[in-house]
Structure formats: C-alpha cells, structure tokens
C-alpha cells in the first residue's frame, strides 16, 4: 500500500507563517515523507501545471489553509487573485476538486466560518461542501491534535511516534520545586532541564533532565550502557537514553507523577556521573 501524502495549499501573502508551523508539526506527528508543502515557488523551467497535477494526483488529502486575506488577496493592479486563471492557490484547489481528492479547509484565526458562497469564484464554490477545521491561536495544540487524529483514523496516515508502552505507576513522590531543582543542578554540571512532547500523547509534554556523555568510540559508549544496566535496576528507576556514534544522551524524568523531575532523577543523575567518571578512569583520555 502506498504511503499516504498530505498536500498543504496556502497563499504566502495570507498564511505563510501558519503554513510553515503546521508543516513542521505535521511532519513530526505523521512523518516527514507524509507531508508536502511548496516552500520555494516556481523554479526556473518548471511547468507549474504539470508539477501541480503530479503532486495532487499522488496526494491522499489536500489541506486548504484559509486566512484573513485568503479571499481578498489582490495583485499589484487590484485584481483578486482567486479570479485569475494562473493563480497558484486557485489551480491547486481546482486540481484537488477535479481529482475528487478528500479536501479539508483549514480556517485560521480569527476566521471561524467558511467564506460565503457569493464571495467565492463559481469554480471554487464546491469548497463549502467540505467539513472545515479551525486552528485557533489560543487552542492551537488541541485543534491540531484533532486534525491529526482525523488524518490517522479516517485517512490512515501513520503516527510517526507510537504511544509509549509503560508499566503500572508505582512511585509516589513530589516533583521538585523550581528552587529545589535550581539548587541541585548547581552540583550537577552538564545536566539541564528540557521539555518535549510525549509520543502518542500529544500535546502533553514531559519535563526531563538531560546530559550528553562522550566516549572514545561507539564500542565504549555501548559498553558503558551495558555496564550501567545493573546499578540502574538496583535503583528501580530507569532513564530514556539515546546512543549516536560515540555519544550517549540521557534523559531522566519520573513518569509516575506526570513526567515531572523528582528527587529520584537527581539521584539517578549522580549515579550516571559516578559511573561515567569510573569508566573514564579505566580508559585512555578522549582523543579526536
């Protein structure tokens, strides 16, 4: 089965910033290869009509971003762009309508309703037959999540990062206050608080401590990870970690209390620092 493809139609003078933000977040949610948005315009020598038909024909769903100036945007002579036969946005939407592709109008703040039929060019009036989604500035995350859920459940788009499978909650402990965390980090060089979205549980976020350790080689990094398993299990508190070549990035959080940083994470950070120091003493100094 071919991978679903989402086409984002937008007008640069109307919704460029919102379109790019949506493009970045959708790529993170449903995969880099699942989202297409033209960010460069027509390249020299391109035959836009052919390029347009080609991408639209491959698309599973077309998003039509409609901002405050989408309907009335005009060229330097005062002519409304949507009425012009060579207008990119007009032709993108006509191609989608002609192909019968699922089309989703996206209303950007402050719009809450589709343009009136009388205000649309006759060829684009069928747009009003499609169910629109709204993206409100003060509800962007939940609105976007609703759109993503629709793409996944209705149009079979993949979820880039599936929900994390976790054990039952067993820890009862208070998260550190900001003052407590600040004081502890003074004694933990290299560790820093970070925040990221939780895969499969968007838009919820997790607060973590992060540090990057560097080793002499990929083999040394992996050997360190293996040697750390036993003492980590003894503490009954586990990290999220990522190995890239000769570096190891460690993330610490207490998910039982809502992915917040607790005293357990401070103790685990101290353990990692001690294990790393012991490991480095057993090896030669790091050299490039």
Protein backbone atom coordinates (compact mmCIF):
# COMPACT_ATOMS: atom_id res chain seq x y z
CA UNK A 1 0.00 0.00 0.00
CA UNK A 2 1.36 3.44 -0.96
CA UNK A 3 2.23 5.79 1.86
CA UNK A 4 -0.43 8.49 2.40
CA UNK A 5 0.58 12.00 1.34
CA UNK A 6 -0.80 15.28 2.66
CA UNK A 7 -0.69 18.36 0.39
CA UNK A 8 -0.77 21.79 2.06
CA UNK A 9 -2.22 24.57 -0.09
CA UNK A 10 -1.65 28.12 1.18
CA UNK A 11 -1.08 31.66 -0.02
CA UNK A 12 2.22 33.21 1.02
CA UNK A 13 0.76 36.68 1.49
CA UNK A 14 -2.01 35.28 3.67
CA UNK A 15 -0.76 32.35 5.76
CA UNK A 16 2.94 31.69 5.24
CA UNK A 17 3.89 31.63 8.92
CA UNK A 18 0.93 29.46 9.95
CA UNK A 19 1.54 27.13 6.99
CA UNK A 20 5.18 26.59 7.89
CA UNK A 21 4.34 25.97 11.55
CA UNK A 22 1.69 23.47 10.53
CA UNK A 23 4.09 21.83 8.08
CA UNK A 24 6.77 21.33 10.75
CA UNK A 25 4.36 19.96 13.35
CA UNK A 26 2.58 17.63 10.94
CA UNK A 27 5.90 16.18 9.80
CA UNK A 28 6.70 15.45 13.44
CA UNK A 29 3.30 13.83 14.00
CA UNK A 30 2.71 11.80 10.83
CA UNK A 31 6.18 11.55 9.29
CA UNK A 32 8.50 13.61 7.10
CA UNK A 33 7.53 11.78 3.91
CA UNK A 34 3.81 12.16 4.58
CA UNK A 35 3.60 15.94 4.14
CA UNK A 36 4.18 18.11 1.04
CA UNK A 37 4.27 21.89 1.00
CA UNK A 38 5.82 24.01 -1.73
CA UNK A 39 8.14 26.46 0.04
CA UNK A 40 10.09 27.79 -2.92
CA UNK A 41 7.51 28.71 -5.53
CA UNK A 42 8.06 28.01 -9.22
CA UNK A 43 11.64 27.12 -10.05
CA UNK A 44 13.09 28.32 -13.35
CA UNK A 45 11.99 25.99 -16.12
CA UNK A 46 9.22 24.35 -14.09
CA UNK A 47 5.92 23.73 -15.82
CA UNK A 48 3.72 24.53 -12.85
CA UNK A 49 0.51 22.99 -14.16
CA UNK A 50 2.22 19.66 -14.78
CA UNK A 51 4.07 19.73 -11.47
CA UNK A 52 0.85 20.64 -9.67
CA UNK A 53 -1.19 17.85 -11.24
CA UNK A 54 1.57 15.38 -10.46
CA UNK A 55 1.72 16.17 -6.76
CA UNK A 56 -2.06 16.45 -6.37
CA UNK A 57 -2.54 13.10 -8.12
CA UNK A 58 -0.18 11.48 -5.60
CA UNK A 59 -1.80 13.14 -2.59
CA UNK A 60 -4.21 11.38 -0.28
CA UNK A 61 -5.64 14.55 1.30
CA UNK A 62 -5.37 18.25 0.44
CA UNK A 63 -5.41 20.90 3.19
CA UNK A 64 -6.61 24.33 2.08
CA UNK A 65 -5.35 26.98 4.51
CA UNK A 66 -7.72 29.93 4.61
CA UNK A 67 -6.56 33.04 6.44
CA UNK A 68 -7.97 36.51 6.86
CA UNK A 69 -6.73 37.72 3.44
CA UNK A 70 -7.22 34.48 1.50
CA UNK A 71 -10.46 35.62 -0.16
CA UNK A 72 -9.49 39.21 -0.97
CA UNK A 73 -5.79 39.00 -1.78
CA UNK A 74 -5.09 41.03 -4.93
CA UNK A 75 -2.19 41.63 -7.32
CA UNK A 76 -0.46 44.96 -7.95
CA UNK A 77 -3.31 46.02 -10.26
CA UNK A 78 -6.04 45.36 -7.71
CA UNK A 79 -7.29 42.18 -9.37
CA UNK A 80 -8.41 39.46 -6.97
CA UNK A 81 -6.01 36.54 -7.24
CA UNK A 82 -8.64 33.81 -6.80
CA UNK A 83 -10.32 35.02 -10.01
CA UNK A 84 -7.13 34.81 -12.08
CA UNK A 85 -6.63 31.66 -14.21
CA UNK A 86 -2.90 31.48 -13.43
CA UNK A 87 -3.27 31.85 -9.65
CA UNK A 88 -1.42 29.06 -7.82
CA UNK A 89 -3.90 28.65 -4.98
CA UNK A 90 -6.89 28.63 -7.33
CA UNK A 91 -5.28 25.97 -9.52
CA UNK A 92 -4.21 23.83 -6.56
CA UNK A 93 -7.76 23.72 -5.25
CA UNK A 94 -9.32 23.20 -8.69
CA UNK A 95 -6.95 20.28 -9.26
CA UNK A 96 -7.99 18.79 -5.92
CA UNK A 97 -11.68 19.28 -6.66
CA UNK A 98 -11.37 17.84 -10.17
CA UNK A 99 -9.46 14.79 -8.90
CA UNK A 100 -12.03 14.05 -6.22
CA UNK A 101 -9.36 14.05 -3.53
CA UNK A 102 -10.51 14.49 0.07
CA UNK A 103 -10.14 18.20 0.80
CA UNK A 104 -10.06 19.81 4.25
CA UNK A 105 -10.41 23.60 4.55
CA UNK A 106 -8.35 24.89 7.50
CA UNK A 107 -9.71 28.13 8.94
CA UNK A 108 -7.00 30.22 10.60
CA UNK A 109 -7.65 32.60 13.46
CA UNK A 110 -9.70 34.84 13.53
CA UNK A 111 -11.85 33.03 10.94
CA UNK A 112 -14.48 30.61 12.27
CA UNK A 113 -16.70 30.17 9.19
CA UNK A 114 -16.12 29.33 5.55
CA UNK A 115 -16.33 32.22 3.04
CA UNK A 116 -19.85 32.87 1.82
CA UNK A 117 -20.79 31.23 -1.47
CA UNK A 118 -21.36 34.62 -3.11
CA UNK A 119 -17.81 35.65 -2.27
CA UNK A 120 -16.16 32.65 -3.93
CA UNK A 121 -15.41 32.27 -7.62
CA UNK A 122 -18.02 29.94 -9.10
CA UNK A 123 -15.44 27.21 -9.75
CA UNK A 124 -14.41 27.20 -6.07
CA UNK A 125 -17.89 27.28 -4.55
CA UNK A 126 -17.83 23.47 -4.02
CA UNK A 127 -15.28 24.15 -1.25
CA UNK A 128 -18.23 24.95 1.01
CA UNK A 129 -19.34 21.32 0.79
CA UNK A 130 -16.30 20.17 2.75
CA UNK A 131 -16.08 19.99 6.54
CA UNK A 132 -13.64 22.62 7.81
CA UNK A 133 -11.25 22.51 10.76
CA UNK A 134 -10.30 25.59 12.75
CA UNK A 135 -6.83 26.36 14.09
CA UNK A 136 -7.20 28.94 16.86
CA UNK A 137 -4.14 30.70 18.17
CA UNK A 138 -5.10 30.09 21.80
CA UNK A 139 -6.15 26.46 21.16
CA UNK A 140 -3.60 25.52 18.50
CA UNK A 141 -2.37 22.30 20.13
CA UNK A 142 -5.76 20.69 20.82
CA UNK A 143 -7.09 21.85 17.43
CA UNK A 144 -4.05 20.41 15.68
CA UNK A 145 -4.39 17.18 17.63
CA UNK A 146 -8.00 16.85 16.46
CA UNK A 147 -6.83 17.29 12.86
CA UNK A 148 -4.05 14.73 13.25
CA UNK A 149 -6.43 12.20 14.85
CA UNK A 150 -8.75 12.68 11.86
CA UNK A 151 -5.90 12.09 9.39
CA UNK A 152 -4.77 8.96 11.23
CA UNK A 153 -8.19 7.43 11.86
CA UNK A 154 -10.01 8.41 8.66
CA UNK A 155 -7.26 8.58 6.06
CA UNK A 156 -4.83 6.01 7.51
CA UNK A 157 -1.85 8.31 7.93
CA UNK A 158 0.88 6.75 10.07
CA UNK A 159 1.69 8.03 13.53
CA UNK A 160 5.36 8.99 13.45
CA UNK A 161 5.94 8.08 17.08
CA UNK A 162 3.55 5.49 18.54
CA UNK A 163 2.38 5.75 22.13
CA UNK A 164 4.96 4.61 24.67
CA UNK A 165 4.10 1.38 26.50
CA UNK A 166 4.64 1.93 30.21
CA UNK A 167 4.40 -0.26 33.34
CA UNK A 168 1.93 0.45 36.11
CA UNK A 169 2.53 3.52 38.24
CA UNK A 170 4.25 2.59 41.50
CA UNK A 171 6.11 5.71 42.64
CA UNK A 172 4.55 8.33 44.91
CA UNK A 173 6.81 11.31 45.30
CA UNK A 174 6.51 15.05 44.94
CA UNK A 175 8.12 16.78 41.94
CA UNK A 176 10.95 19.16 42.73
CA UNK A 177 10.11 22.81 43.03
CA UNK A 178 11.89 25.20 40.69
CA UNK A 179 14.07 26.42 43.56
CA UNK A 180 14.98 22.86 44.59
CA UNK A 181 15.85 21.91 41.02
CA UNK A 182 17.96 25.02 40.56
CA UNK A 183 19.91 24.27 43.74
CA UNK A 184 20.51 20.63 42.77
CA UNK A 185 21.68 21.49 39.26
CA UNK A 186 24.46 23.66 40.70
CA UNK A 187 26.05 20.39 41.85
CA UNK A 188 25.37 18.52 38.61
CA UNK A 189 27.44 20.12 35.83
CA UNK A 190 26.23 19.36 32.32
CA UNK A 191 22.69 18.43 33.34
CA UNK A 192 19.90 20.72 32.12
CA UNK A 193 16.08 20.70 32.30
CA UNK A 194 14.31 20.20 28.95
CA UNK A 195 10.72 19.77 27.80
CA UNK A 196 9.34 17.73 24.91
CA UNK A 197 6.06 16.29 23.67
CA UNK A 198 5.15 12.75 24.69
CA UNK A 199 4.91 10.40 21.65
CA UNK A 200 1.33 9.27 21.09
CA UNK A 201 0.04 11.59 23.82
CA UNK A 202 0.21 14.98 22.11
CA UNK A 203 0.01 17.76 23.25
CA UNK A 204 1.06 16.55 26.71
CA UNK A 205 4.69 17.28 27.47
CA UNK A 206 7.36 15.75 29.68
CA UNK A 207 9.90 17.58 31.82
CA UNK A 208 13.28 15.88 31.93
CA UNK A 209 16.90 16.29 32.93
CA UNK A 210 19.30 15.82 30.02
CA UNK A 211 23.03 15.31 29.70
CA UNK A 212 25.31 14.18 26.88
CA UNK A 213 28.27 11.90 27.64
CA UNK A 214 31.07 11.47 25.10
CA UNK A 215 33.24 8.34 24.81
CA UNK A 216 36.33 7.30 22.90
CA UNK A 217 34.34 5.20 20.44
CA UNK A 218 30.93 3.73 19.64
CA UNK A 219 32.06 0.49 21.31
CA UNK A 220 32.97 2.35 24.51
CA UNK A 221 29.57 4.08 24.58
CA UNK A 222 27.69 0.81 24.18
CA UNK A 223 29.87 -0.92 26.79
CA UNK A 224 29.08 1.89 29.24
CA UNK A 225 25.35 1.43 28.62
CA UNK A 226 25.66 -2.29 29.27
CA UNK A 227 27.64 -1.76 32.46
CA UNK A 228 25.05 0.74 33.73
CA UNK A 229 22.12 -1.67 33.50
CA UNK A 230 22.71 -3.44 36.84
CA UNK A 231 23.11 -0.30 39.00
CA UNK A 232 20.13 1.30 37.23
CA UNK A 233 17.97 -1.73 38.01
CA UNK A 234 19.08 -1.60 41.63
CA UNK A 235 17.69 1.92 41.87
CA UNK A 236 14.43 0.77 40.24
CA UNK A 237 14.31 3.98 38.25
CA UNK A 238 15.06 3.96 34.55
CA UNK A 239 16.33 6.52 32.03
CA UNK A 240 15.38 7.33 28.48
CA UNK A 241 18.64 7.28 26.56
CA UNK A 242 19.90 7.55 23.01
CA UNK A 243 23.23 6.46 21.55
CA UNK A 244 24.66 8.23 18.49
CA UNK A 245 28.12 7.08 17.46
CA UNK A 246 30.35 7.79 20.49
CA UNK A 247 27.90 9.95 22.42
CA UNK A 248 25.15 8.96 24.82
CA UNK A 249 22.28 11.33 25.63
CA UNK A 250 20.50 10.54 28.89
CA UNK A 251 17.02 11.84 29.80
CA UNK A 252 15.61 11.47 33.31
CA UNK A 253 12.05 12.01 34.49
CA UNK A 254 9.56 10.44 36.89
CA UNK A 255 6.68 9.46 34.66
CA UNK A 256 4.60 8.04 37.54
CA UNK A 257 3.93 11.63 38.70
CA UNK A 258 3.17 13.03 35.26
CA UNK A 259 6.62 13.15 33.68
CA UNK A 260 7.99 15.62 36.22
CA UNK A 261 11.51 15.85 37.69
CA UNK A 262 11.81 14.39 41.19
CA UNK A 263 14.49 13.53 43.73
CA UNK A 264 14.77 10.13 42.02
CA UNK A 265 16.05 11.83 38.89
CA UNK A 266 18.64 13.81 40.83
CA UNK A 267 19.89 10.59 42.44
CA UNK A 268 19.98 8.89 39.02
CA UNK A 269 21.93 11.81 37.55
CA UNK A 270 24.51 11.45 40.34
CA UNK A 271 24.73 7.73 39.59
CA UNK A 272 25.38 8.36 35.88
CA UNK A 273 28.08 10.91 36.67
CA UNK A 274 29.80 8.49 39.05
CA UNK A 275 29.62 5.60 36.59
CA UNK A 276 30.97 7.79 33.80
CA UNK A 277 33.83 9.05 35.95
CA UNK A 278 34.75 5.49 36.89
CA UNK A 279 34.56 4.42 33.25
CA UNK A 280 36.78 7.25 32.03
CA UNK A 281 39.42 6.36 34.64
CA UNK A 282 39.63 2.88 33.11
CA UNK A 283 40.25 4.18 29.60
CA UNK A 284 42.66 6.46 27.86
CA UNK A 285 41.84 10.17 27.58
CA UNK A 286 39.39 11.01 24.84
CA UNK A 287 41.21 11.92 21.62
CA UNK A 288 39.90 13.04 18.26
